[in-house]
């Protein structure tokens, strides 16, 4: 996965005759016999795009089963390379912001990569100090000023009306700073507060048979064992903690 200095990501369009033909994908390819992942990465991007990779770091590993085959994608983030990417095999290229990627039709196996790209490096969870509203909001503003961009508001001991009032205020603060707020609450309350997403407790998670919010909003979950992780994967949770 190749990213430029402004955060845009490079996509290439698959040939029409190929598996998943006509869809957009992250440039890359298969390991040849005897190759390491790093060797294959450098070779494929040299052959496909004419660039020399200088450094890379793991982002996510994805296993996906199509009706006719299974794939394992070992995805690395590349931000340091030499050269200008060009479609050396005639493939169209596009630089796309992560937030705009859902406008590009992509193979199903690539969709978790988009989610990984949109996630920041940290996920802040609010503490149990929300009873002093003014002090809580002041500290919340400070965290936003420090650069926190994905925040879970968790206050299980607040009564519903107080929770909603505070959540609406926090959602407004987040929007002003281009941050995103997830509520540890019900889907209905997340909708009512115009939150960016929902964080499910493990009890909520295990009671669901489908994803509770649409794909453009975050759904996270607390998981404590393999069964809960499997359920999170089954209903399409974006990330688990």
Protein backbone atom coordinates (compact mmCIF):
# COMPACT_ATOMS: atom_id res chain seq x y z
CA UNK A 1 0.00 0.00 0.00
CA UNK A 2 1.70 3.18 -1.26
CA UNK A 3 0.94 6.46 0.47
CA UNK A 4 2.11 9.96 -0.46
CA UNK A 5 3.03 12.87 1.81
CA UNK A 6 -0.56 14.16 1.87
CA UNK A 7 -1.97 10.79 2.96
CA UNK A 8 -3.41 9.76 -0.40
CA UNK A 9 -3.15 6.11 -1.36
CA UNK A 10 -2.32 4.71 -4.79
CA UNK A 11 -4.87 2.44 -6.48
CA UNK A 12 -4.56 0.57 -9.76
CA UNK A 13 -7.32 -0.90 -11.92
CA UNK A 14 -7.28 -4.63 -12.59
CA UNK A 15 -7.41 -5.82 -16.22
CA UNK A 16 -10.91 -6.75 -17.35
CA UNK A 17 -9.90 -10.34 -18.11
CA UNK A 18 -8.33 -10.98 -14.68
CA UNK A 19 -9.95 -12.40 -11.54
CA UNK A 20 -12.00 -9.52 -10.07
CA UNK A 21 -11.36 -7.73 -13.37
CA UNK A 22 -12.23 -4.06 -13.73
CA UNK A 23 -12.05 -3.42 -9.99
CA UNK A 24 -9.55 -1.14 -8.27
CA UNK A 25 -6.92 -2.57 -5.97
CA UNK A 26 -3.77 -1.80 -4.02
CA UNK A 27 -0.74 -2.50 -6.24
CA UNK A 28 1.17 -5.66 -5.41
CA UNK A 29 1.37 -9.28 -6.41
CA UNK A 30 2.30 -12.83 -5.52
CA UNK A 31 5.41 -14.29 -3.93
CA UNK A 32 7.61 -16.30 -6.26
CA UNK A 33 9.03 -19.59 -4.93
CA UNK A 34 11.89 -18.91 -2.51
CA UNK A 35 11.13 -15.18 -2.14
CA UNK A 36 10.71 -13.38 1.14
CA UNK A 37 7.82 -10.97 1.51
CA UNK A 38 10.19 -7.99 1.33
CA UNK A 39 11.81 -9.29 -1.85
CA UNK A 40 8.44 -9.90 -3.51
CA UNK A 41 7.18 -6.47 -2.49
CA UNK A 42 10.16 -4.69 -4.03
CA UNK A 43 10.10 -6.81 -7.20
CA UNK A 44 6.37 -6.46 -7.83
CA UNK A 45 6.33 -2.69 -7.38
CA UNK A 46 9.42 -2.28 -9.54
CA UNK A 47 7.77 -4.33 -12.30
CA UNK A 48 4.29 -2.81 -11.98
CA UNK A 49 5.07 0.82 -11.16
CA UNK A 50 8.76 1.44 -11.79
CA UNK A 51 9.55 2.48 -8.21
CA UNK A 52 12.20 1.32 -5.75
CA UNK A 53 10.87 0.70 -2.24
CA UNK A 54 13.15 2.00 0.52
CA UNK A 55 11.14 1.11 3.62
CA UNK A 56 7.85 -0.53 4.54
CA UNK A 57 5.91 -1.47 7.67
CA UNK A 58 3.14 -4.04 8.24
CA UNK A 59 -0.41 -2.69 8.22
CA UNK A 60 -2.81 -5.67 8.23
CA UNK A 61 -3.10 -9.31 7.17
CA UNK A 62 -6.37 -10.34 5.51
CA UNK A 63 -7.69 -13.80 4.69
CA UNK A 64 -10.69 -13.91 2.36
CA UNK A 65 -12.59 -16.73 0.67
CA UNK A 66 -14.09 -16.14 -2.75
CA UNK A 67 -16.38 -18.80 -4.30
CA UNK A 68 -13.54 -20.06 -6.50
CA UNK A 69 -10.43 -19.40 -4.39
CA UNK A 70 -8.99 -18.14 -1.11
CA UNK A 71 -6.48 -15.31 -0.78
CA UNK A 72 -4.10 -14.15 1.94
CA UNK A 73 -3.14 -10.49 1.70
CA UNK A 74 -0.08 -9.41 3.69
CA UNK A 75 -0.37 -5.63 3.48
CA UNK A 76 2.50 -3.26 4.17
CA UNK A 77 2.46 0.54 4.25
CA UNK A 78 5.06 2.15 1.96
CA UNK A 79 5.81 5.84 2.33
CA UNK A 80 9.50 5.99 1.35
CA UNK A 81 10.38 5.03 -2.21
CA UNK A 82 12.32 6.35 -5.20
CA UNK A 83 10.67 7.23 -8.49
CA UNK A 84 7.23 8.26 -9.72
CA UNK A 85 4.64 5.47 -10.00
CA UNK A 86 3.48 4.79 -13.55
CA UNK A 87 1.32 1.96 -14.88
CA UNK A 88 4.05 -0.01 -16.62
CA UNK A 89 1.58 -2.74 -17.60
CA UNK A 90 -0.93 -0.25 -19.00
CA UNK A 91 -3.06 -0.21 -15.86
CA UNK A 92 -4.83 3.06 -14.90
CA UNK A 93 -3.66 4.57 -11.58
CA UNK A 94 -5.39 6.91 -9.12
CA UNK A 95 -4.27 8.70 -5.95
CA UNK A 96 -7.21 8.57 -3.54
CA UNK A 97 -7.81 9.87 -0.02
CA UNK A 98 -8.72 7.01 2.37
CA UNK A 99 -12.06 8.67 3.16
CA UNK A 100 -12.99 8.59 -0.55
CA UNK A 101 -12.04 4.99 -1.31
CA UNK A 102 -15.54 3.56 -1.00
CA UNK A 103 -16.38 5.40 -4.23
CA UNK A 104 -14.01 3.03 -6.05
CA UNK A 105 -15.30 -0.53 -6.64
CA UNK A 106 -12.75 -2.89 -5.08
CA UNK A 107 -12.47 -6.64 -4.42
CA UNK A 108 -14.13 -7.75 -1.19
CA UNK A 109 -10.77 -8.88 0.19
CA UNK A 110 -9.49 -5.29 0.01
CA UNK A 111 -12.27 -3.72 2.07
CA UNK A 112 -10.67 -4.41 5.50
CA UNK A 113 -7.57 -2.60 4.24
CA UNK A 114 -9.62 0.56 3.73
CA UNK A 115 -10.80 0.33 7.34
CA UNK A 116 -7.23 -0.13 8.57
CA UNK A 117 -6.12 2.92 6.60
CA UNK A 118 -8.84 5.09 8.15
CA UNK A 119 -7.94 4.13 11.72
CA UNK A 120 -5.60 6.46 13.63
CA UNK A 121 -2.71 5.13 15.70
CA UNK A 122 -4.62 5.40 18.98
CA UNK A 123 -8.16 5.03 20.34
CA UNK A 124 -8.98 7.13 23.39
CA UNK A 125 -11.56 5.91 25.93
CA UNK A 126 -12.96 8.44 28.37
CA UNK A 127 -12.54 7.80 32.08
CA UNK A 128 -14.98 7.81 35.01
CA UNK A 129 -14.64 11.55 35.70
CA UNK A 130 -17.69 12.78 33.79
CA UNK A 131 -19.81 13.82 36.78
CA UNK A 132 -18.16 17.25 36.89
CA UNK A 133 -19.37 18.26 33.45
CA UNK A 134 -17.32 21.44 33.05
CA UNK A 135 -14.07 19.81 34.14
CA UNK A 136 -14.75 16.80 31.92
CA UNK A 137 -15.38 18.95 28.85
CA UNK A 138 -12.24 20.98 29.57
CA UNK A 139 -10.12 17.82 29.69
CA UNK A 140 -11.86 16.51 26.57
CA UNK A 141 -10.94 19.70 24.71
CA UNK A 142 -7.34 19.29 25.86
CA UNK A 143 -7.20 15.77 24.42
CA UNK A 144 -8.56 17.02 21.11
CA UNK A 145 -5.91 19.74 21.09
CA UNK A 146 -3.27 17.03 21.66
CA UNK A 147 -4.39 15.37 18.43
CA UNK A 148 -6.76 12.61 19.56
CA UNK A 149 -8.95 11.78 16.58
CA UNK A 150 -10.90 8.63 17.52
CA UNK A 151 -12.60 8.67 20.91
CA UNK A 152 -15.00 6.39 22.76
CA UNK A 153 -17.35 8.07 25.23
CA UNK A 154 -17.99 5.52 27.96
CA UNK A 155 -20.15 6.44 30.96
CA UNK A 156 -22.22 3.41 32.03
CA UNK A 157 -23.29 4.99 35.32
CA UNK A 158 -24.82 8.13 33.78
CA UNK A 159 -28.58 8.13 33.45
CA UNK A 160 -29.76 8.20 29.80
CA UNK A 161 -30.74 11.88 29.62
CA UNK A 162 -27.45 13.10 31.09
CA UNK A 163 -25.52 10.70 28.84
CA UNK A 164 -27.27 12.00 25.74
CA UNK A 165 -26.75 15.65 26.65
CA UNK A 166 -23.04 15.17 27.27
CA UNK A 167 -22.64 12.95 24.20
CA UNK A 168 -24.22 15.60 21.96
CA UNK A 169 -21.78 18.20 23.29
CA UNK A 170 -18.80 15.89 22.74
CA UNK A 171 -19.97 15.07 19.21
CA UNK A 172 -20.08 18.79 18.39
CA UNK A 173 -16.58 19.28 19.80
CA UNK A 174 -15.26 16.37 17.74
CA UNK A 175 -16.81 17.63 14.52
CA UNK A 176 -15.17 21.02 15.04
CA UNK A 177 -11.74 19.33 15.28
CA UNK A 178 -12.26 16.73 12.53
CA UNK A 179 -12.26 13.99 15.18
CA UNK A 180 -14.69 11.08 15.46
CA UNK A 181 -16.76 10.03 18.45
CA UNK A 182 -18.00 6.51 19.19
CA UNK A 183 -20.57 5.97 21.92
CA UNK A 184 -20.54 3.03 24.29
CA UNK A 185 -24.31 2.90 24.12
CA UNK A 186 -27.16 1.58 21.99
CA UNK A 187 -27.41 2.04 18.21
CA UNK A 188 -30.50 4.18 18.78
CA UNK A 189 -28.61 6.54 21.07
CA UNK A 190 -25.68 6.75 18.66
CA UNK A 191 -28.15 7.79 15.96
CA UNK A 192 -29.91 10.30 18.21
CA UNK A 193 -26.62 11.98 19.13
CA UNK A 194 -25.32 11.98 15.54
CA UNK A 195 -22.21 10.14 16.74
CA UNK A 196 -19.69 8.81 14.24
CA UNK A 197 -20.11 5.28 15.48
CA UNK A 198 -20.85 2.78 18.19
CA UNK A 199 -18.70 0.75 20.57
CA UNK A 200 -20.39 -2.52 21.52
CA UNK A 201 -19.95 -4.24 24.84
CA UNK A 202 -19.26 -7.96 24.58
CA UNK A 203 -22.83 -8.63 25.76
CA UNK A 204 -24.26 -6.42 23.00
CA UNK A 205 -21.94 -8.00 20.45
CA UNK A 206 -23.04 -11.55 21.21
CA UNK A 207 -26.73 -10.61 21.01
CA UNK A 208 -26.54 -9.29 17.43
CA UNK A 209 -27.05 -11.14 14.16
CA UNK A 210 -25.96 -8.27 11.91
CA UNK A 211 -23.93 -5.08 11.90
CA UNK A 212 -25.99 -2.40 13.73
CA UNK A 213 -24.81 0.64 11.71
CA UNK A 214 -24.11 1.20 8.00
CA UNK A 215 -20.61 0.82 6.56
CA UNK A 216 -19.87 4.55 6.54
CA UNK A 217 -20.06 4.69 10.36
CA UNK A 218 -17.73 2.99 12.81
CA UNK A 219 -18.69 -0.14 14.73
CA UNK A 220 -16.16 -1.30 17.33
CA UNK A 221 -16.47 -3.98 20.00
CA UNK A 222 -14.92 -5.16 23.24
CA UNK A 223 -13.74 -8.77 22.85
CA UNK A 224 -12.27 -11.01 25.52
CA UNK A 225 -12.00 -14.40 23.83
CA UNK A 226 -11.90 -16.17 20.47
CA UNK A 227 -15.67 -16.65 20.34
CA UNK A 228 -16.29 -12.93 20.69
CA UNK A 229 -13.66 -12.13 18.05
CA UNK A 230 -15.31 -14.61 15.69
CA UNK A 231 -18.69 -12.97 16.27
CA UNK A 232 -17.17 -9.52 15.64
CA UNK A 233 -15.81 -10.77 12.33
CA UNK A 234 -19.12 -12.43 11.42
CA UNK A 235 -21.22 -9.27 11.79
CA UNK A 236 -18.62 -6.98 10.21
CA UNK A 237 -17.20 -5.03 13.15
CA UNK A 238 -14.53 -2.56 12.03
CA UNK A 239 -12.14 -3.17 14.92
CA UNK A 240 -12.03 -4.86 18.32
CA UNK A 241 -10.26 -4.02 21.57
